[in-house]
Amino acid sequence: MCEIEHFVDPSDKSFAKFKKLTAEKKLPEPKSVNVVEAVPNMAVLGKEFKKDAKRVQIALAQLPEDQVVALEKELQTSGSYNLVVDSDKFKLTSAMVNVKRATKM
């Protein structure tokens, strides 16, 4: 049986794939961020608001975190939340919107 030896030329650019790669500087620890977002139930929103459902979805996606928390509290206490989009009011219920909390790195 014949063995074939491979010669690696260090000046060859493909040589890098054979080298062990190490980090040159210490990276900071990843930060965990708590995220709160309003997740619309489009099936229910579509039935209720028809052509305006997309506007409601966009408005919910653009809500700042503090307003999402206020939305969640209002849904828990009274069962509904009045969302204003371009001077139009939409009454949202807990069946239409869920508040999702997550931790992201």
Protein backbone atom coordinates (compact mmCIF):
# COMPACT_ATOMS: atom_id res chain seq x y z
CA MET A 1 0.00 0.00 0.00
CA CYS A 2 1.34 3.39 -0.94
CA GLU A 3 0.99 6.43 1.31
CA ILE A 4 0.68 9.88 -0.19
CA GLU A 5 2.20 12.77 1.72
CA HIS A 6 0.68 16.21 1.40
CA PHE A 7 2.98 19.19 1.49
CA VAL A 8 1.45 22.46 2.70
CA ASP A 9 3.15 25.61 1.51
CA PRO A 10 2.81 28.34 4.21
CA SER A 11 2.82 31.07 1.55
CA ASP A 12 -0.25 29.51 -0.06
CA LYS A 13 -3.47 31.40 0.75
CA SER A 14 -5.33 28.14 1.35
CA PHE A 15 -2.92 27.45 4.23
CA ALA A 16 -5.17 29.44 6.58
CA LYS A 17 -7.75 26.68 6.64
CA PHE A 18 -5.19 24.40 8.29
CA LYS A 19 -4.17 26.89 10.99
CA LYS A 20 -5.82 26.94 14.37
CA LEU A 21 -7.72 30.18 14.73
CA THR A 22 -7.68 31.97 18.07
CA ALA A 23 -9.31 35.17 19.25
CA GLU A 24 -6.99 38.14 19.48
CA LYS A 25 -8.94 40.10 22.06
CA LYS A 26 -11.40 39.31 24.80
CA LEU A 27 -14.99 40.10 23.88
CA PRO A 28 -17.46 41.41 26.46
CA GLU A 29 -20.06 39.06 27.85
CA PRO A 30 -23.30 39.08 25.84
CA LYS A 31 -26.02 41.25 27.31
CA SER A 32 -29.47 39.83 27.85
CA VAL A 33 -32.31 42.19 27.00
CA ASN A 34 -35.91 41.72 28.09
CA VAL A 35 -38.26 42.28 25.17
CA VAL A 36 -42.00 42.91 25.41
CA GLU A 37 -44.05 42.93 22.22
CA ALA A 38 -47.70 42.87 21.22
CA VAL A 39 -48.50 39.91 18.99
CA PRO A 40 -51.73 40.35 17.02
CA ASN A 41 -54.08 37.46 16.28
CA MET A 42 -54.67 38.30 12.63
CA ALA A 43 -57.55 35.84 12.19
CA VAL A 44 -59.60 37.66 14.83
CA LEU A 45 -58.41 41.14 13.80
CA GLY A 46 -59.27 40.44 10.16
CA LYS A 47 -62.82 39.37 11.01
CA GLU A 48 -63.37 42.36 13.28
CA PHE A 49 -61.68 45.22 11.42
CA LYS A 50 -61.61 43.94 7.81
CA LYS A 51 -59.58 46.43 5.70
CA ASP A 52 -58.20 48.20 8.79
CA ALA A 53 -56.64 45.03 10.24
CA LYS A 54 -53.28 45.74 8.57
CA ARG A 55 -53.21 49.27 10.05
CA VAL A 56 -53.87 47.85 13.51
CA GLN A 57 -51.13 45.24 13.02
CA ILE A 58 -48.59 47.90 12.01
CA ALA A 59 -49.59 50.15 14.92
CA LEU A 60 -49.17 47.27 17.38
CA ALA A 61 -45.72 46.45 15.96
CA GLN A 62 -44.63 50.08 16.41
CA LEU A 63 -45.82 50.44 20.01
CA PRO A 64 -43.01 51.28 22.44
CA GLU A 65 -42.38 48.87 25.28
CA ASP A 66 -44.05 51.05 27.93
CA GLN A 67 -47.26 51.24 25.89
CA VAL A 68 -47.25 47.47 25.36
CA VAL A 69 -47.05 47.02 29.14
CA ALA A 70 -49.95 49.50 29.53
CA LEU A 71 -51.91 47.56 26.90
CA GLU A 72 -51.31 44.33 28.81
CA LYS A 73 -52.46 45.84 32.13
CA GLU A 74 -55.57 47.37 30.54
CA LEU A 75 -56.50 44.05 28.91
CA GLN A 76 -56.11 42.27 32.25
CA THR A 77 -58.14 44.78 34.25
CA SER A 78 -60.95 45.84 31.92
CA GLY A 79 -60.73 43.21 29.17
CA SER A 80 -60.30 45.76 26.37
CA TYR A 81 -57.89 48.43 25.13
CA ASN A 82 -58.61 51.40 22.87
CA LEU A 83 -55.91 51.76 20.23
CA VAL A 84 -55.83 55.05 18.32
CA VAL A 85 -54.45 54.91 14.76
CA ASP A 86 -54.55 58.15 12.73
CA SER A 87 -57.54 59.50 14.72
CA ASP A 88 -59.43 56.18 14.32
CA LYS A 89 -60.18 54.21 17.50
CA PHE A 90 -60.04 50.42 17.58
CA LYS A 91 -61.28 48.46 20.58
CA LEU A 92 -58.95 45.51 21.13
CA THR A 93 -59.72 42.51 23.33
CA SER A 94 -57.45 39.86 24.79
CA ALA A 95 -58.53 37.49 21.98
CA MET A 96 -57.11 39.94 19.43
CA VAL A 97 -53.72 40.65 21.02
CA ASN A 98 -51.26 38.64 23.10
CA VAL A 99 -48.32 40.19 24.91
CA LYS A 100 -45.14 38.19 24.46
CA ARG A 101 -42.18 38.53 26.80
CA ALA A 102 -38.78 37.16 25.89
CA THR A 103 -35.13 37.50 26.77
CA LYS A 104 -32.76 38.04 23.86
CA MET A 105 -28.99 37.95 23.87
